[in-house]
Amino acid sequence: MTPQPHPQAGAVVKADDRAHVFHSWSAQDLIDPPAVAGAEGSYFWDYDGRRYLDFTSGLVFTNIGYQHPKVVAAIQEQAGRMTTFAPAFAVAARSEAARLIAERTPGDLDKIFFTNGGADAIEHALRMARLHTGRAKVLSAYRSYHGGTQQAINLTGDPRRWASDSATAGVVHFWAPFLYRSRFYAETEEQEAARALEHLETTIAFEGPGTIAAIVLESIPGTAGIMVPPAGYLAGVREICDKYGIVFVLDEVMAGFGRTGEWFAADLFGVVPDLMTFAKGVNSGYVPLGGVAISQEIAATFGKRPYPGGLTYSGHPLACAAAVATINVMEEEGVVENARRLGADVVGPALAALAERHPSVGEVRGTGMFWALDLVKNRETREPLVPYNAAGEANAPMAAFGAAAKQHGLWPFVNMNRTHVVPPCNVSEAELKEGFAALDAALSVADEYTV
């Protein structure tokens, strides 16, 4: 679709937004949200007719792009047949969505509890783990994000937690592996994995193994920097959980449904958790949906004992119809395979080439359609381009980088000292080439701040 300018309509949208919409994670008087007129495929555009290649996939959820006609048609068809129904009944769209998801989850994660998104999936996964074990404490990693609700934000290991952290949520944080900025003085991936596992087991010993219900990890941390764990780490966590009777929860909200070139990132590591949370890509975000995939053992805990939790819109028919259509589209169009191929053959090499040209790029990391560039002021010292949790003038280099990307028609995913490359999983090679050209220009601006 060719964007048509409608600046007067855009002005009305913007005025109503500024008058009445309270935005998340924002100081309300300091933001200037763009007014979006439409979106299709890998692009969106504003009311002035400016079009942007979306390298954020919304918030890493439009895994099949915007407005896929088959998913739109499925939502329309479901709305004509049954717009909604209570969760206590068996409904065709809900049943089929659960079956299709269970067929793709690893191991015996065959029971699906539907939620409205990723944060409440985490909330229910923790509740299930605590009830299953009779324990209260939960371990989570620094450099993580698990959602904005009360338990989920306390699990989170980045600054968004601080304002809501009451230190009463039963959460203990630990360091997960990240060789580029190692907390373990490691020199190799093998050392990083071994030392991170030793640190985790020591933390468990000092916290008391019998007090810990669950360990919660993102399979590949997302907003924290797309840090692919070293070989053997997740398998080692699985062994530690088995040793101490701890529930292993993998958060696949961002990494799941093709993003990493596999249906789930857990498949990259051959690991089966006890509980796995999902959302976002399950239906490309077209209608809010999330859930918990549950192992047979934990499901059996609630076989004759009622599970004390639920949601009015659990398994909403419109959301589930969108999930069914999305999963079928991904199968029919080879979206997962496309993400895997492009990641290995196009994205990885292109980002490595950018890193060679730009001193502001400290490290390139990722897989599939899930990549990050770690931007630095000094490659030798690895000093970040901006300080941790920088704001205002301290964040000027990243702000300049983001503005340059937008000026060249690329909408970037910028977080702290990183930019993420997370386009739709069915992005074309031509679109990627366009995006890398814009990224190249924006990195030249970041280079101006290096020493």
Protein backbone atom coordinates (compact mmCIF):
# COMPACT_ATOMS: atom_id res chain seq x y z
CA MET A 1 0.00 0.00 0.00
CA THR A 2 1.24 3.49 -0.89
CA PRO A 3 0.84 5.81 2.11
CA GLN A 4 -1.31 8.86 1.44
CA PRO A 5 -0.76 12.02 3.50
CA HIS A 6 -3.63 13.04 5.81
CA PRO A 7 -2.00 15.55 8.17
CA GLN A 8 -5.29 16.95 9.47
CA ALA A 9 -6.49 13.48 10.51
CA GLY A 10 -3.13 12.87 12.11
CA ALA A 11 -3.40 16.07 14.10
CA VAL A 12 -6.72 14.91 15.57
CA VAL A 13 -5.28 11.52 16.52
CA LYS A 14 -2.27 13.16 18.13
CA ALA A 15 -4.37 15.71 20.05
CA ASP A 16 -6.70 13.04 21.45
CA ASP A 17 -3.73 10.89 22.41
CA ARG A 18 -2.00 13.72 24.25
CA ALA A 19 -5.23 14.71 26.00
CA HIS A 20 -6.35 11.27 27.17
CA VAL A 21 -3.91 8.35 26.66
CA PHE A 22 -1.62 7.47 29.56
CA HIS A 23 1.45 5.77 28.06
CA SER A 24 3.44 2.97 29.65
CA TRP A 25 7.05 3.38 30.84
CA SER A 26 6.92 7.12 30.14
CA ALA A 27 7.00 10.56 31.76
CA GLN A 28 3.75 11.73 30.23
CA ASP A 29 4.73 15.35 29.64
CA LEU A 30 8.04 14.48 27.98
CA ILE A 31 6.92 12.16 25.18
CA ASP A 32 5.81 12.82 21.61
CA PRO A 33 4.25 9.60 20.28
CA PRO A 34 4.13 9.37 16.48
CA ALA A 35 0.62 9.05 15.05
CA VAL A 36 0.50 5.88 12.94
CA ALA A 37 -1.87 5.83 9.96
CA GLY A 38 -1.36 2.25 8.82
CA ALA A 39 0.90 -0.77 8.55
CA GLU A 40 1.46 -3.64 6.16
CA GLY A 41 4.08 -6.37 6.02
CA SER A 42 7.37 -5.03 7.37
CA TYR A 43 6.39 -1.34 7.18
CA PHE A 44 4.24 1.27 8.89
CA TRP A 45 3.59 4.91 8.01
CA ASP A 46 2.45 8.15 9.59
CA TYR A 47 -0.20 10.66 8.56
CA ASP A 48 2.36 12.75 6.69
CA GLY A 49 2.99 9.80 4.38
CA ARG A 50 6.42 8.92 5.80
CA ARG A 51 7.02 5.18 5.68
CA TYR A 52 9.32 3.27 8.02
CA LEU A 53 10.82 -0.19 7.81
CA ASP A 54 9.99 -1.65 11.21
CA PHE A 55 13.07 -3.29 12.72
CA THR A 56 11.19 -3.68 16.03
CA SER A 57 8.35 -5.93 14.85
CA GLY A 58 6.05 -3.77 16.98
CA LEU A 59 7.46 -4.87 20.32
CA VAL A 60 8.97 -8.04 18.87
CA PHE A 61 5.57 -9.57 18.20
CA THR A 62 4.67 -9.13 14.51
CA ASN A 63 6.55 -12.29 13.56
CA ILE A 64 4.58 -12.55 10.29
CA GLY A 65 4.37 -8.80 9.72
CA TYR A 66 1.40 -6.47 9.82
CA GLN A 67 -1.99 -7.23 8.29
CA HIS A 68 -1.34 -10.72 6.95
CA PRO A 69 -4.50 -11.33 4.91
CA LYS A 70 -5.05 -14.91 6.08
CA VAL A 71 -4.92 -13.94 9.75
CA VAL A 72 -7.14 -10.89 9.20
CA ALA A 73 -9.64 -13.13 7.40
CA ALA A 74 -9.56 -15.68 10.23
CA ILE A 75 -10.35 -12.97 12.79
CA GLN A 76 -13.19 -11.67 10.63
CA GLU A 77 -14.60 -15.18 10.16
CA GLN A 78 -14.43 -15.94 13.88
CA ALA A 79 -16.10 -12.61 14.70
CA GLY A 80 -18.96 -13.51 12.38
CA ARG A 81 -19.39 -16.91 14.03
CA MET A 82 -18.64 -16.27 17.73
CA THR A 83 -16.93 -13.15 18.97
CA THR A 84 -16.43 -14.32 22.55
CA PHE A 85 -17.34 -17.00 25.05
CA ALA A 86 -16.53 -17.83 28.66
CA PRO A 87 -13.35 -19.83 29.32
CA ALA A 88 -15.09 -22.71 31.15
CA PHE A 89 -16.47 -24.08 27.86
CA ALA A 90 -14.83 -26.02 25.04
CA VAL A 91 -14.67 -23.75 22.01
CA ALA A 92 -13.34 -24.81 18.61
CA ALA A 93 -10.81 -22.00 18.15
CA ARG A 94 -9.50 -22.43 21.70
CA SER A 95 -9.17 -26.19 21.40
CA GLU A 96 -7.45 -26.01 18.03
CA ALA A 97 -5.04 -23.31 19.14
CA ALA A 98 -4.07 -25.37 22.20
CA ARG A 99 -3.50 -28.44 20.04
CA LEU A 100 -1.34 -26.60 17.51
CA ILE A 101 0.77 -25.00 20.24
CA ALA A 102 1.18 -28.28 22.16
CA GLU A 103 2.31 -30.03 18.97
CA ARG A 104 5.21 -27.58 18.72
CA THR A 105 6.31 -27.21 22.33
CA PRO A 106 9.26 -29.35 23.42
CA GLY A 107 8.87 -32.56 25.40
CA ASP A 108 5.67 -33.21 27.31
CA LEU A 109 4.44 -29.61 27.57
CA ASP A 110 1.05 -30.68 26.30
CA LYS A 111 -1.36 -28.71 28.49
CA ILE A 112 -1.96 -25.06 27.61
CA PHE A 113 -3.27 -22.44 30.02
CA PHE A 114 -4.22 -19.33 28.06
CA THR A 115 -3.63 -15.80 29.33
CA ASN A 116 -3.96 -12.35 27.80
CA GLY A 117 -0.22 -11.75 27.42
CA GLY A 118 3.27 -12.56 28.60
CA ALA A 119 3.25 -10.88 32.00
CA ASP A 120 0.18 -12.71 33.26
CA ALA A 121 1.61 -15.93 31.81
CA ILE A 122 4.61 -15.41 34.11
CA GLU A 123 2.29 -14.66 37.04
CA HIS A 124 0.46 -17.96 36.56
CA ALA A 125 3.63 -19.97 35.92
CA LEU A 126 4.97 -18.79 39.28
CA ARG A 127 1.69 -19.63 41.00
CA MET A 128 1.74 -23.13 39.49
CA ALA A 129 5.37 -23.67 40.54
CA ARG A 130 4.76 -22.52 44.11
CA LEU A 131 1.66 -24.65 44.52
CA HIS A 132 3.35 -27.66 42.93
CA THR A 133 6.41 -27.49 45.19
CA GLY A 134 4.94 -25.92 48.33
CA ARG A 135 7.84 -23.49 48.30
CA ALA A 136 7.81 -19.70 48.04
CA LYS A 137 11.11 -18.40 46.70
CA VAL A 138 11.90 -17.81 43.00
CA LEU A 139 15.26 -17.20 41.32
CA SER A 140 15.67 -14.97 38.27
CA ALA A 141 18.59 -13.45 36.40
CA TYR A 142 19.90 -9.94 36.23
CA ARG A 143 19.74 -8.63 32.65
CA SER A 144 16.24 -9.96 32.12
CA TYR A 145 12.70 -8.78 31.49
CA HIS A 146 9.56 -10.75 32.36
CA GLY A 147 6.69 -8.23 32.25
CA GLY A 148 5.10 -5.29 34.01
CA THR A 149 2.70 -6.92 36.49
CA GLN A 150 3.65 -7.24 40.15
CA GLN A 151 5.41 -10.62 40.21
CA ALA A 152 6.73 -10.26 36.67
CA ILE A 153 8.32 -6.87 37.29
CA ASN A 154 9.94 -8.15 40.49
CA LEU A 155 11.40 -11.04 38.51
CA THR A 156 12.80 -8.60 35.98
CA GLY A 157 16.51 -7.88 36.24
CA ASP A 158 16.73 -4.41 34.70
CA PRO A 159 16.04 -0.87 35.98
CA ARG A 160 12.33 -1.04 35.20
CA ARG A 161 12.02 -3.14 38.36
CA TRP A 162 13.48 -0.62 40.75
CA ALA A 163 10.46 1.65 41.32
CA SER A 164 8.20 -1.33 42.12
CA ASP A 165 10.65 -3.56 43.98
CA SER A 166 9.39 -3.92 47.53
CA ALA A 167 11.85 -6.71 48.33
CA THR A 168 8.89 -8.78 49.54
CA ALA A 169 8.09 -10.73 46.36
CA GLY A 170 10.23 -13.76 47.24
CA VAL A 171 12.58 -13.13 44.30
CA VAL A 172 16.36 -13.61 44.38
CA HIS A 173 18.46 -12.47 41.43
CA PHE A 174 21.64 -14.09 40.13
CA TRP A 175 24.06 -13.57 37.24
CA ALA A 176 23.45 -15.53 34.05
CA PRO A 177 26.23 -16.01 31.48
CA PHE A 178 27.24 -13.18 29.13
CA LEU A 179 30.83 -13.51 28.00
CA TYR A 180 31.16 -10.04 26.43
CA ARG A 181 30.51 -8.46 29.83
CA SER A 182 31.36 -11.44 32.02
CA ARG A 183 30.84 -11.27 35.78
CA PHE A 184 32.98 -14.40 36.13
CA TYR A 185 36.29 -13.25 34.57
CA ALA A 186 35.86 -15.92 31.93
CA GLU A 187 37.85 -16.00 28.70
CA THR A 188 35.88 -18.63 26.79
CA GLU A 189 32.25 -19.64 26.38
CA GLU A 190 33.03 -22.90 28.17
CA GLN A 191 34.44 -21.08 31.18
CA GLU A 192 31.50 -18.67 31.21
CA ALA A 193 28.95 -21.50 31.22
CA ALA A 194 30.77 -23.51 33.91
CA ARG A 195 31.31 -20.53 36.20
CA ALA A 196 27.77 -19.26 35.77
CA LEU A 197 26.41 -22.68 36.70
CA GLU A 198 28.70 -22.83 39.73
CA HIS A 199 27.48 -19.38 40.78
CA LEU A 200 23.85 -20.44 40.39
CA GLU A 201 24.31 -23.59 42.45
CA THR A 202 26.15 -21.64 45.14
CA THR A 203 23.29 -19.13 45.24
CA ILE A 204 20.84 -22.01 45.69
CA ALA A 205 22.95 -23.49 48.50
CA PHE A 206 23.03 -20.20 50.40
CA GLU A 207 19.34 -19.44 49.81
CA GLY A 208 18.31 -22.95 50.87
CA PRO A 209 17.32 -25.46 48.15
CA GLY A 210 14.19 -26.45 50.05
CA THR A 211 12.87 -22.88 49.92
CA ILE A 212 13.09 -22.39 46.14
CA ALA A 213 10.05 -23.10 43.98
CA ALA A 214 11.38 -22.11 40.56
CA ILE A 215 14.21 -20.78 38.47
CA VAL A 216 12.91 -18.50 35.71
CA LEU A 217 15.03 -17.69 32.67
CA GLU A 218 14.43 -16.20 29.26
CA SER A 219 15.67 -18.85 26.83
CA ILE A 220 17.51 -16.02 25.09
CA PRO A 221 17.22 -12.72 26.97
CA GLY A 222 15.47 -10.21 24.73
CA THR A 223 15.34 -6.55 25.71
CA ALA A 224 18.39 -7.09 27.94
CA GLY A 225 20.51 -7.60 24.83
CA ILE A 226 19.79 -10.89 23.00
CA MET A 227 22.50 -12.79 24.81
CA VAL A 228 22.49 -16.32 23.40
CA PRO A 229 23.53 -18.59 26.28
CA PRO A 230 26.69 -20.64 25.78
CA ALA A 231 26.45 -24.32 24.97
CA GLY A 232 25.59 -26.43 27.97
CA TYR A 233 24.28 -23.65 30.19
CA LEU A 234 20.53 -24.26 29.93
CA ALA A 235 21.12 -28.02 30.10
CA GLY A 236 23.13 -27.39 33.25
CA VAL A 237 20.28 -25.37 34.77
CA ARG A 238 17.94 -28.24 33.93
CA GLU A 239 20.22 -30.63 35.83
CA ILE A 240 20.41 -28.30 38.84
CA CYS A 241 16.62 -27.99 38.95
CA ASP A 242 16.24 -31.76 38.82
CA LYS A 243 18.82 -32.17 41.59
CA TYR A 244 16.96 -29.91 44.02
CA GLY A 245 13.35 -30.47 42.96
CA ILE A 246 13.06 -26.93 41.57
CA VAL A 247 10.64 -26.10 38.76
CA PHE A 248 12.43 -24.87 35.62
CA VAL A 249 10.48 -22.09 33.87
CA LEU A 250 11.56 -20.84 30.46
CA ASP A 251 10.20 -17.51 29.29
CA GLU A 252 9.71 -17.74 25.51
CA VAL A 253 7.46 -14.69 25.23
CA MET A 254 9.91 -12.87 22.96
CA ALA A 255 12.01 -15.73 21.59
CA GLY A 256 9.18 -18.10 20.69
CA PHE A 257 7.27 -18.83 17.49
CA GLY A 258 10.00 -18.63 14.90
CA ARG A 259 11.95 -15.63 16.16
CA THR A 260 15.17 -17.63 16.64
CA GLY A 261 14.79 -19.80 13.54
CA GLU A 262 13.11 -22.54 15.59
CA TRP A 263 9.57 -22.77 16.89
CA PHE A 264 11.00 -22.16 20.36
CA ALA A 265 14.49 -21.13 21.40
CA ALA A 266 14.56 -24.10 23.80
CA ASP A 267 14.86 -26.29 20.70
CA LEU A 268 18.25 -24.72 19.95
CA PHE A 269 19.59 -26.12 23.21
CA GLY A 270 17.72 -29.43 23.45
CA VAL A 271 16.17 -28.44 26.78
CA VAL A 272 12.67 -29.18 28.08
CA PRO A 273 11.47 -26.96 30.94
CA ASP A 274 8.67 -27.81 33.36
CA LEU A 275 6.72 -24.69 32.43
CA MET A 276 7.11 -22.45 29.40
CA THR A 277 5.49 -19.05 28.92
CA PHE A 278 4.60 -17.61 25.53
CA ALA A 279 2.76 -14.66 23.95
CA LYS A 280 3.66 -12.10 21.22
CA GLY A 281 4.46 -14.23 18.13
CA VAL A 282 1.83 -16.87 18.91
CA ASN A 283 -0.58 -14.79 16.79
CA SER A 284 1.72 -11.96 15.73
CA GLY A 285 0.06 -9.72 18.30
CA TYR A 286 -3.10 -9.31 16.21
CA VAL A 287 -5.32 -9.97 19.26
CA PRO A 288 -3.81 -10.16 22.79
CA LEU A 289 -2.90 -13.74 23.73
CA GLY A 290 -0.37 -15.50 25.92
CA GLY A 291 -0.12 -18.68 27.88
CA VAL A 292 1.72 -21.29 29.89
CA ALA A 293 2.66 -24.66 28.42
CA ILE A 294 2.59 -27.17 31.29
CA SER A 295 4.38 -30.50 31.79
CA GLN A 296 2.48 -33.65 32.62
CA GLU A 297 3.86 -33.75 36.16
CA ILE A 298 2.74 -30.23 37.04
CA ALA A 299 -0.59 -30.66 35.24
CA ALA A 300 -1.17 -33.77 37.35
CA THR A 301 -0.86 -31.65 40.52
CA PHE A 302 -4.13 -30.04 39.51
CA GLY A 303 -5.80 -33.20 38.25
CA LYS A 304 -8.10 -33.48 41.26
CA ARG A 305 -7.08 -30.31 43.05
CA PRO A 306 -8.55 -27.14 41.55
CA TYR A 307 -6.09 -24.69 40.11
CA PRO A 308 -6.82 -21.41 41.94
CA GLY A 309 -6.51 -19.02 39.04
CA GLY A 310 -8.13 -17.86 35.84
CA LEU A 311 -8.96 -14.95 33.56
CA THR A 312 -12.23 -13.79 32.06
CA TYR A 313 -10.70 -13.76 28.59
CA SER A 314 -8.57 -16.89 28.88
CA GLY A 315 -8.46 -18.42 25.41
CA HIS A 316 -10.54 -15.65 23.84
CA PRO A 317 -12.00 -16.99 20.56
CA LEU A 318 -10.78 -14.07 18.42
CA ALA A 319 -7.26 -14.34 19.83
CA CYS A 320 -7.21 -18.12 19.42
CA ALA A 321 -8.53 -17.93 15.86
CA ALA A 322 -5.67 -15.53 15.12
CA ALA A 323 -3.22 -18.00 16.69
CA VAL A 324 -4.54 -20.89 14.59
CA ALA A 325 -4.23 -18.83 11.42
CA THR A 326 -0.77 -17.54 12.36
CA ILE A 327 0.64 -21.00 13.09
CA ASN A 328 -0.83 -22.34 9.86
CA VAL A 329 0.61 -19.41 7.89
CA MET A 330 4.02 -20.04 9.45
CA GLU A 331 3.86 -23.68 8.37
CA GLU A 332 2.52 -22.99 4.86
CA GLU A 333 4.96 -20.18 4.11
CA GLY A 334 8.03 -21.66 5.81
CA VAL A 335 8.39 -18.66 8.12
CA VAL A 336 10.49 -20.47 10.73
CA GLU A 337 12.82 -21.84 8.08
CA ASN A 338 13.03 -18.39 6.48
CA ALA A 339 14.10 -16.86 9.78
CA ARG A 340 16.73 -19.54 10.24
CA ARG A 341 18.12 -19.17 6.71
CA LEU A 342 18.16 -15.38 6.66
CA GLY A 343 19.74 -15.22 10.10
CA ALA A 344 22.60 -17.50 9.10
CA ASP A 345 23.13 -16.42 5.50
CA VAL A 346 22.12 -12.74 5.42
CA VAL A 347 21.65 -11.01 8.78
CA GLY A 348 24.64 -12.42 10.63
CA PRO A 349 27.14 -11.72 7.80
CA ALA A 350 25.68 -8.26 7.10
CA LEU A 351 25.89 -7.21 10.76
CA ALA A 352 29.43 -8.58 10.99
CA ALA A 353 30.35 -6.43 7.98
CA LEU A 354 28.82 -3.37 9.65
CA ALA A 355 30.85 -4.12 12.78
CA GLU A 356 34.04 -4.15 10.69
CA ARG A 357 33.27 -0.66 9.37
CA HIS A 358 31.98 1.00 12.53
CA PRO A 359 34.08 1.44 15.69
CA SER A 360 30.86 2.02 17.67
CA VAL A 361 29.92 -1.66 17.29
CA GLY A 362 31.47 -3.68 20.09
CA GLU A 363 29.74 -6.99 19.53
CA VAL A 364 27.20 -8.59 17.19
CA ARG A 365 25.15 -11.44 18.62
CA GLY A 366 21.99 -13.33 17.79
CA THR A 367 20.30 -16.01 15.72
CA GLY A 368 17.38 -16.21 13.32
CA MET A 369 15.59 -12.85 13.31
CA PHE A 370 16.81 -12.04 16.83
CA TRP A 371 19.97 -9.90 16.87
CA ALA A 372 21.59 -7.09 18.82
CA LEU A 373 24.50 -4.73 18.32
CA ASP A 374 26.30 -3.74 21.52
CA LEU A 375 27.36 -0.13 20.96
CA VAL A 376 30.51 1.08 22.67
CA LYS A 377 32.52 4.26 23.17
CA ASN A 378 35.76 2.30 23.07
CA ARG A 379 36.16 -1.14 21.52
CA GLU A 380 39.28 -1.97 23.50
CA THR A 381 37.81 -1.22 26.92
CA ARG A 382 34.25 -2.16 25.91
CA GLU A 383 32.98 0.98 27.62
CA PRO A 384 29.30 1.30 26.63
CA LEU A 385 28.34 4.13 24.30
CA VAL A 386 26.13 5.48 27.11
CA PRO A 387 26.14 4.68 30.85
CA TYR A 388 23.85 2.04 32.29
CA ASN A 389 20.25 3.33 32.43
CA ALA A 390 21.34 6.66 30.91
CA ALA A 391 18.78 9.43 30.46
CA GLY A 392 18.74 13.01 29.23
CA GLU A 393 22.09 14.41 28.09
CA ALA A 394 23.91 11.24 29.17
CA ASN A 395 21.86 9.33 26.58
CA ALA A 396 22.58 11.81 23.77
CA PRO A 397 24.69 9.40 21.64
CA MET A 398 21.94 6.76 21.55
CA ALA A 399 19.30 9.42 20.92
CA ALA A 400 21.32 10.73 17.99
CA PHE A 401 21.75 7.21 16.63
CA GLY A 402 17.98 6.54 16.87
CA ALA A 403 17.11 9.85 15.21
CA ALA A 404 19.50 9.11 12.34
CA ALA A 405 17.93 5.69 11.77
CA LYS A 406 14.45 7.23 11.58
CA GLN A 407 15.68 9.94 9.24
CA HIS A 408 16.76 7.17 6.86
CA GLY A 409 13.40 5.38 7.04
CA LEU A 410 14.28 2.74 9.64
CA TRP A 411 12.40 2.43 12.93
CA PRO A 412 14.99 1.05 15.38
CA PHE A 413 14.67 -0.90 18.61
CA VAL A 414 17.04 1.02 20.90
CA ASN A 415 17.56 0.01 24.53
CA MET A 416 20.33 1.41 26.73
CA ASN A 417 23.55 0.96 24.72
CA ARG A 418 22.11 -1.53 22.26
CA THR A 419 20.18 -1.56 19.05
CA HIS A 420 18.25 -4.69 18.23
CA VAL A 421 17.62 -6.07 14.75
CA VAL A 422 14.29 -7.87 15.08
CA PRO A 423 12.30 -7.49 11.84
CA PRO A 424 9.38 -9.79 11.00
CA CYS A 425 10.44 -13.39 10.48
CA ASN A 426 9.09 -13.31 6.92
CA VAL A 427 11.04 -10.17 5.99
CA SER A 428 12.53 -10.25 2.48
CA GLU A 429 16.19 -9.99 1.54
CA ALA A 430 15.45 -6.72 -0.28
CA GLU A 431 13.88 -5.27 2.86
CA LEU A 432 16.86 -6.37 4.93
CA LYS A 433 19.22 -4.73 2.45
CA GLU A 434 17.24 -1.49 2.80
CA GLY A 435 17.37 -1.75 6.58
CA PHE A 436 21.11 -2.41 6.68
CA ALA A 437 21.78 0.64 4.50
CA ALA A 438 19.85 2.80 6.96
CA LEU A 439 21.59 1.14 9.90
CA ASP A 440 24.95 1.80 8.24
CA ALA A 441 24.14 5.52 8.04
CA ALA A 442 22.92 5.66 11.64
CA LEU A 443 26.03 3.88 12.95
CA SER A 444 28.16 6.57 11.30
CA VAL A 445 26.47 9.01 13.71
CA ALA A 446 27.22 6.71 16.66
CA ASP A 447 30.85 6.54 15.51
CA GLU A 448 31.18 10.26 16.18
CA TYR A 449 30.93 9.55 19.92
CA THR A 450 33.68 6.91 20.01
CA VAL A 451 37.22 7.43 21.25
